[in-house]
Amino acid sequence: MAGLVGLGQQIKKEAKAGLLDVARQEASNQIVEEQMAQAKAASDASLYGTAIGIGGAYGASTAAAGSGMGATLAAAGPYAAVALAAAFLLNKLFG
């Protein structure tokens, strides 16, 4: 009978060790998934910032030919907004 009790305790010990390994792996997977989500958010922010900059620069360059500074900045806004919208939609479709 002592052999069966010892065998049962050994099986229980191995089962606990297996569950601990699975729990560690799950925690590691969750950390990696969180890091990937943060990297995606940073990538999206960079993409949108670049799109706004390019659109604004294009709008400012087209309006700068004979206008004052105020008109140049006002003309850059719509181009920046269109560039941001395009970047957002393309990122949602292909990102």
N, C-alpha and C. Protein backbone atom coordinates (compact mmCIF):
# COMPACT_ATOMS: atom_id res chain seq x y z
N MET A 1 0.81 -1.19 0.00
CA MET A 1 0.00 0.00 0.00
C MET A 1 0.85 1.25 0.00
N ALA A 2 2.00 1.19 0.68
CA ALA A 2 2.88 2.37 0.73
C ALA A 2 3.39 2.70 -0.66
N GLY A 3 3.54 1.69 -1.50
CA GLY A 3 4.00 1.93 -2.86
C GLY A 3 2.99 2.72 -3.67
N LEU A 4 1.70 2.45 -3.47
CA LEU A 4 0.66 3.18 -4.19
C LEU A 4 0.58 4.63 -3.73
N VAL A 5 0.73 4.85 -2.43
CA VAL A 5 0.71 6.22 -1.89
C VAL A 5 1.90 7.01 -2.44
N GLY A 6 3.06 6.38 -2.44
CA GLY A 6 4.26 7.04 -2.97
C GLY A 6 4.12 7.34 -4.45
N LEU A 7 3.52 6.41 -5.20
CA LEU A 7 3.31 6.62 -6.62
C LEU A 7 2.32 7.77 -6.85
N GLY A 8 1.29 7.82 -6.04
CA GLY A 8 0.31 8.91 -6.15
C GLY A 8 0.93 10.25 -5.85
N GLN A 9 1.77 10.31 -4.84
CA GLN A 9 2.43 11.57 -4.50
C GLN A 9 3.39 12.01 -5.62
N GLN A 10 4.07 11.05 -6.22
CA GLN A 10 4.98 11.36 -7.32
C GLN A 10 4.21 11.91 -8.52
N ILE A 11 3.08 11.29 -8.83
CA ILE A 11 2.24 11.76 -9.95
C ILE A 11 1.72 13.17 -9.66
N LYS A 12 1.30 13.40 -8.41
CA LYS A 12 0.81 14.73 -8.03
C LYS A 12 1.90 15.77 -8.17
N LYS A 13 3.11 15.43 -7.75
CA LYS A 13 4.25 16.34 -7.84
C LYS A 13 4.55 16.68 -9.31
N GLU A 14 4.53 15.68 -10.17
CA GLU A 14 4.79 15.91 -11.59
C GLU A 14 3.69 16.74 -12.24
N ALA A 15 2.45 16.50 -11.82
CA ALA A 15 1.33 17.28 -12.35
C ALA A 15 1.45 18.75 -11.96
N LYS A 16 1.82 19.01 -10.72
CA LYS A 16 2.00 20.39 -10.27
C LYS A 16 3.13 21.07 -11.05
N ALA A 17 4.21 20.33 -11.28
CA ALA A 17 5.33 20.89 -12.04
C ALA A 17 4.89 21.23 -13.47
N GLY A 18 4.09 20.36 -14.05
CA GLY A 18 3.58 20.62 -15.40
C GLY A 18 2.69 21.84 -15.45
N LEU A 19 1.81 21.98 -14.46
CA LEU A 19 0.93 23.15 -14.40
C LEU A 19 1.72 24.44 -14.20
N LEU A 20 2.76 24.40 -13.40
CA LEU A 20 3.61 25.58 -13.21
C LEU A 20 4.30 25.97 -14.51
N ASP A 21 4.77 24.98 -15.26
CA ASP A 21 5.41 25.27 -16.55
C ASP A 21 4.43 25.93 -17.52
N VAL A 22 3.22 25.41 -17.56
CA VAL A 22 2.20 25.98 -18.44
C VAL A 22 1.87 27.41 -18.02
N ALA A 23 1.77 27.65 -16.72
CA ALA A 23 1.47 29.00 -16.22
C ALA A 23 2.59 29.96 -16.58
N ARG A 24 3.84 29.52 -16.47
CA ARG A 24 4.97 30.38 -16.85
C ARG A 24 4.93 30.71 -18.34
N GLN A 25 4.64 29.71 -19.15
CA GLN A 25 4.57 29.93 -20.59
C GLN A 25 3.45 30.90 -20.95
N GLU A 26 2.32 30.76 -20.30
CA GLU A 26 1.20 31.67 -20.55
C GLU A 26 1.55 33.10 -20.16
N ALA A 27 2.19 33.27 -19.03
CA ALA A 27 2.61 34.61 -18.61
C ALA A 27 3.60 35.20 -19.61
N SER A 28 4.51 34.38 -20.08
CA SER A 28 5.49 34.84 -21.07
C SER A 28 4.79 35.24 -22.37
N ASN A 29 3.82 34.45 -22.80
CA ASN A 29 3.07 34.78 -24.01
C ASN A 29 2.30 36.08 -23.87
N GLN A 30 1.72 36.31 -22.70
CA GLN A 30 0.99 37.55 -22.48
C GLN A 30 1.92 38.75 -22.53
N ILE A 31 3.11 38.62 -22.00
CA ILE A 31 4.07 39.72 -22.03
C ILE A 31 4.46 40.03 -23.47
N VAL A 32 4.72 39.00 -24.24
CA VAL A 32 5.09 39.19 -25.65
C VAL A 32 3.95 39.84 -26.43
N GLU A 33 2.72 39.40 -26.20
CA GLU A 33 1.58 40.00 -26.88
C GLU A 33 1.42 41.47 -26.52
N GLU A 34 1.63 41.83 -25.26
CA GLU A 34 1.55 43.23 -24.83
C GLU A 34 2.64 44.06 -25.50
N GLN A 35 3.85 43.52 -25.58
CA GLN A 35 4.93 44.23 -26.24
C GLN A 35 4.63 44.44 -27.73
N MET A 36 4.04 43.43 -28.35
CA MET A 36 3.69 43.57 -29.77
C MET A 36 2.61 44.63 -29.96
N ALA A 37 1.65 44.69 -29.07
CA ALA A 37 0.59 45.70 -29.16
C ALA A 37 1.17 47.10 -28.98
N GLN A 38 2.10 47.25 -28.04
CA GLN A 38 2.74 48.55 -27.83
C GLN A 38 3.57 48.96 -29.04
N ALA A 39 4.28 48.01 -29.64
CA ALA A 39 5.07 48.31 -30.84
C ALA A 39 4.17 48.72 -31.99
N LYS A 40 3.02 48.06 -32.13
CA LYS A 40 2.06 48.43 -33.19
C LYS A 40 1.52 49.83 -32.97
N ALA A 41 1.20 50.16 -31.73
CA ALA A 41 0.69 51.51 -31.43
C ALA A 41 1.75 52.57 -31.74
N ALA A 42 2.99 52.30 -31.40
CA ALA A 42 4.07 53.24 -31.69
C ALA A 42 4.28 53.38 -33.20
N SER A 43 4.19 52.28 -33.90
CA SER A 43 4.33 52.30 -35.36
C SER A 43 3.21 53.11 -36.00
N ASP A 44 1.99 52.92 -35.52
CA ASP A 44 0.86 53.68 -36.05
C ASP A 44 1.03 55.17 -35.80
N ALA A 45 1.45 55.52 -34.60
CA ALA A 45 1.64 56.94 -34.27
C ALA A 45 2.72 57.55 -35.17
N SER A 46 3.77 56.83 -35.41
CA SER A 46 4.84 57.31 -36.29
C SER A 46 4.32 57.49 -37.72
N LEU A 47 3.55 56.53 -38.20
CA LEU A 47 2.98 56.60 -39.54
C LEU A 47 2.09 57.83 -39.69
N TYR A 48 1.21 58.05 -38.72
CA TYR A 48 0.28 59.17 -38.81
C TYR A 48 1.01 60.50 -38.70
N GLY A 49 2.01 60.57 -37.84
CA GLY A 49 2.80 61.80 -37.74
C GLY A 49 3.53 62.12 -39.03
N THR A 50 4.09 61.10 -39.66
CA THR A 50 4.78 61.30 -40.93
C THR A 50 3.80 61.75 -42.01
N ALA A 51 2.63 61.15 -42.05
CA ALA A 51 1.62 61.54 -43.04
C ALA A 51 1.19 62.98 -42.86
N ILE A 52 0.98 63.39 -41.61
CA ILE A 52 0.60 64.78 -41.35
C ILE A 52 1.72 65.72 -41.79
N GLY A 53 2.95 65.36 -41.49
CA GLY A 53 4.09 66.20 -41.89
C GLY A 53 4.22 66.33 -43.39
N ILE A 54 4.08 65.22 -44.09
CA ILE A 54 4.20 65.26 -45.55
C ILE A 54 3.05 66.06 -46.17
N GLY A 55 1.83 65.80 -45.71
CA GLY A 55 0.68 66.54 -46.23
C GLY A 55 0.78 68.03 -45.93
N GLY A 56 1.18 68.35 -44.72
CA GLY A 56 1.34 69.76 -44.36
C GLY A 56 2.44 70.44 -45.15
N ALA A 57 3.54 69.74 -45.36
CA ALA A 57 4.64 70.31 -46.14
C ALA A 57 4.22 70.53 -47.58
N TYR A 58 3.49 69.59 -48.14
CA TYR A 58 3.02 69.75 -49.52
C TYR A 58 2.05 70.93 -49.61
N GLY A 59 1.12 71.01 -48.67
CA GLY A 59 0.17 72.13 -48.68
C GLY A 59 0.86 73.47 -48.50
N ALA A 60 1.84 73.50 -47.63
CA ALA A 60 2.57 74.75 -47.41
C ALA A 60 3.38 75.14 -48.63
N SER A 61 3.97 74.17 -49.30
CA SER A 61 4.79 74.49 -50.48
C SER A 61 3.93 74.97 -51.64
N THR A 62 2.72 74.43 -51.78
CA THR A 62 1.86 74.87 -52.88
C THR A 62 1.29 76.26 -52.62
N ALA A 63 1.09 76.62 -51.37
CA ALA A 63 0.52 77.91 -51.03
C ALA A 63 1.58 78.99 -50.85
N ALA A 64 2.83 78.62 -50.74
CA ALA A 64 3.88 79.58 -50.42
C ALA A 64 4.32 80.42 -51.61
N ALA A 65 3.86 80.12 -52.79
CA ALA A 65 4.34 80.81 -53.98
C ALA A 65 4.15 82.33 -53.89
N GLY A 66 2.99 82.81 -53.49
CA GLY A 66 2.80 84.25 -53.44
C GLY A 66 2.01 84.70 -52.24
N SER A 67 1.92 83.89 -51.25
CA SER A 67 1.07 84.20 -50.10
C SER A 67 1.91 84.55 -48.89
N GLY A 68 1.25 85.11 -47.90
CA GLY A 68 1.91 85.37 -46.63
C GLY A 68 1.94 84.11 -45.78
N MET A 69 2.56 84.21 -44.62
CA MET A 69 2.73 83.05 -43.75
C MET A 69 1.39 82.51 -43.25
N GLY A 70 0.45 83.39 -42.92
CA GLY A 70 -0.84 82.95 -42.42
C GLY A 70 -1.61 82.14 -43.45
N ALA A 71 -1.59 82.59 -44.69
CA ALA A 71 -2.28 81.87 -45.75
C ALA A 71 -1.60 80.53 -46.02
N THR A 72 -0.28 80.52 -45.90
CA THR A 72 0.46 79.29 -46.12
C THR A 72 0.09 78.24 -45.08
N LEU A 73 0.03 78.63 -43.81
CA LEU A 73 -0.33 77.68 -42.76
C LEU A 73 -1.78 77.23 -42.89
N ALA A 74 -2.67 78.14 -43.29
CA ALA A 74 -4.07 77.77 -43.46
C ALA A 74 -4.24 76.78 -44.61
N ALA A 75 -3.45 76.93 -45.66
CA ALA A 75 -3.55 76.03 -46.81
C ALA A 75 -2.97 74.66 -46.49
N ALA A 76 -2.07 74.58 -45.55
CA ALA A 76 -1.44 73.30 -45.22
C ALA A 76 -2.38 72.37 -44.47
N GLY A 77 -3.34 72.92 -43.74
CA GLY A 77 -4.25 72.13 -42.92
C GLY A 77 -5.04 71.08 -43.68
N PRO A 78 -5.73 71.46 -44.75
CA PRO A 78 -6.51 70.45 -45.49
C PRO A 78 -5.64 69.34 -46.08
N TYR A 79 -4.47 69.69 -46.58
CA TYR A 79 -3.58 68.67 -47.13
C TYR A 79 -3.12 67.69 -46.04
N ALA A 80 -2.83 68.24 -44.87
CA ALA A 80 -2.42 67.39 -43.75
C ALA A 80 -3.56 66.47 -43.33
N ALA A 81 -4.79 66.99 -43.33
CA ALA A 81 -5.94 66.18 -42.95
C ALA A 81 -6.20 65.06 -43.96
N VAL A 82 -6.06 65.37 -45.24
CA VAL A 82 -6.26 64.35 -46.28
C VAL A 82 -5.18 63.29 -46.17
N ALA A 83 -3.94 63.71 -45.95
CA ALA A 83 -2.83 62.74 -45.81
C ALA A 83 -3.05 61.85 -44.60
N LEU A 84 -3.51 62.42 -43.49
CA LEU A 84 -3.78 61.63 -42.29
C LEU A 84 -4.90 60.62 -42.55
N ALA A 85 -5.97 61.08 -43.21
CA ALA A 85 -7.08 60.17 -43.50
C ALA A 85 -6.63 59.03 -44.42
N ALA A 86 -5.84 59.35 -45.42
CA ALA A 86 -5.35 58.32 -46.34
C ALA A 86 -4.46 57.32 -45.60
N ALA A 87 -3.57 57.83 -44.75
CA ALA A 87 -2.68 56.94 -44.00
C ALA A 87 -3.48 56.04 -43.06
N PHE A 88 -4.50 56.60 -42.42
CA PHE A 88 -5.33 55.83 -41.51
C PHE A 88 -6.06 54.70 -42.24
N LEU A 89 -6.68 55.05 -43.39
CA LEU A 89 -7.42 54.04 -44.13
C LEU A 89 -6.50 52.96 -44.69
N LEU A 90 -5.37 53.37 -45.25
CA LEU A 90 -4.44 52.37 -45.78
C LEU A 90 -3.88 51.49 -44.68
N ASN A 91 -3.64 52.06 -43.51
CA ASN A 91 -3.15 51.27 -42.39
C ASN A 91 -4.20 50.26 -41.93
N LYS A 92 -5.45 50.66 -41.92
CA LYS A 92 -6.52 49.74 -41.52
C LYS A 92 -6.73 48.64 -42.56
N LEU A 93 -6.57 48.98 -43.84
CA LEU A 93 -6.74 47.98 -44.88
C LEU A 93 -5.58 47.01 -44.98
N PHE A 94 -4.36 47.51 -44.87
CA PHE A 94 -3.18 46.69 -45.14
C PHE A 94 -2.29 46.49 -43.93
N GLY A 95 -2.58 47.15 -42.82
CA GLY A 95 -1.69 47.07 -41.66
C GLY A 95 -1.97 45.97 -40.72
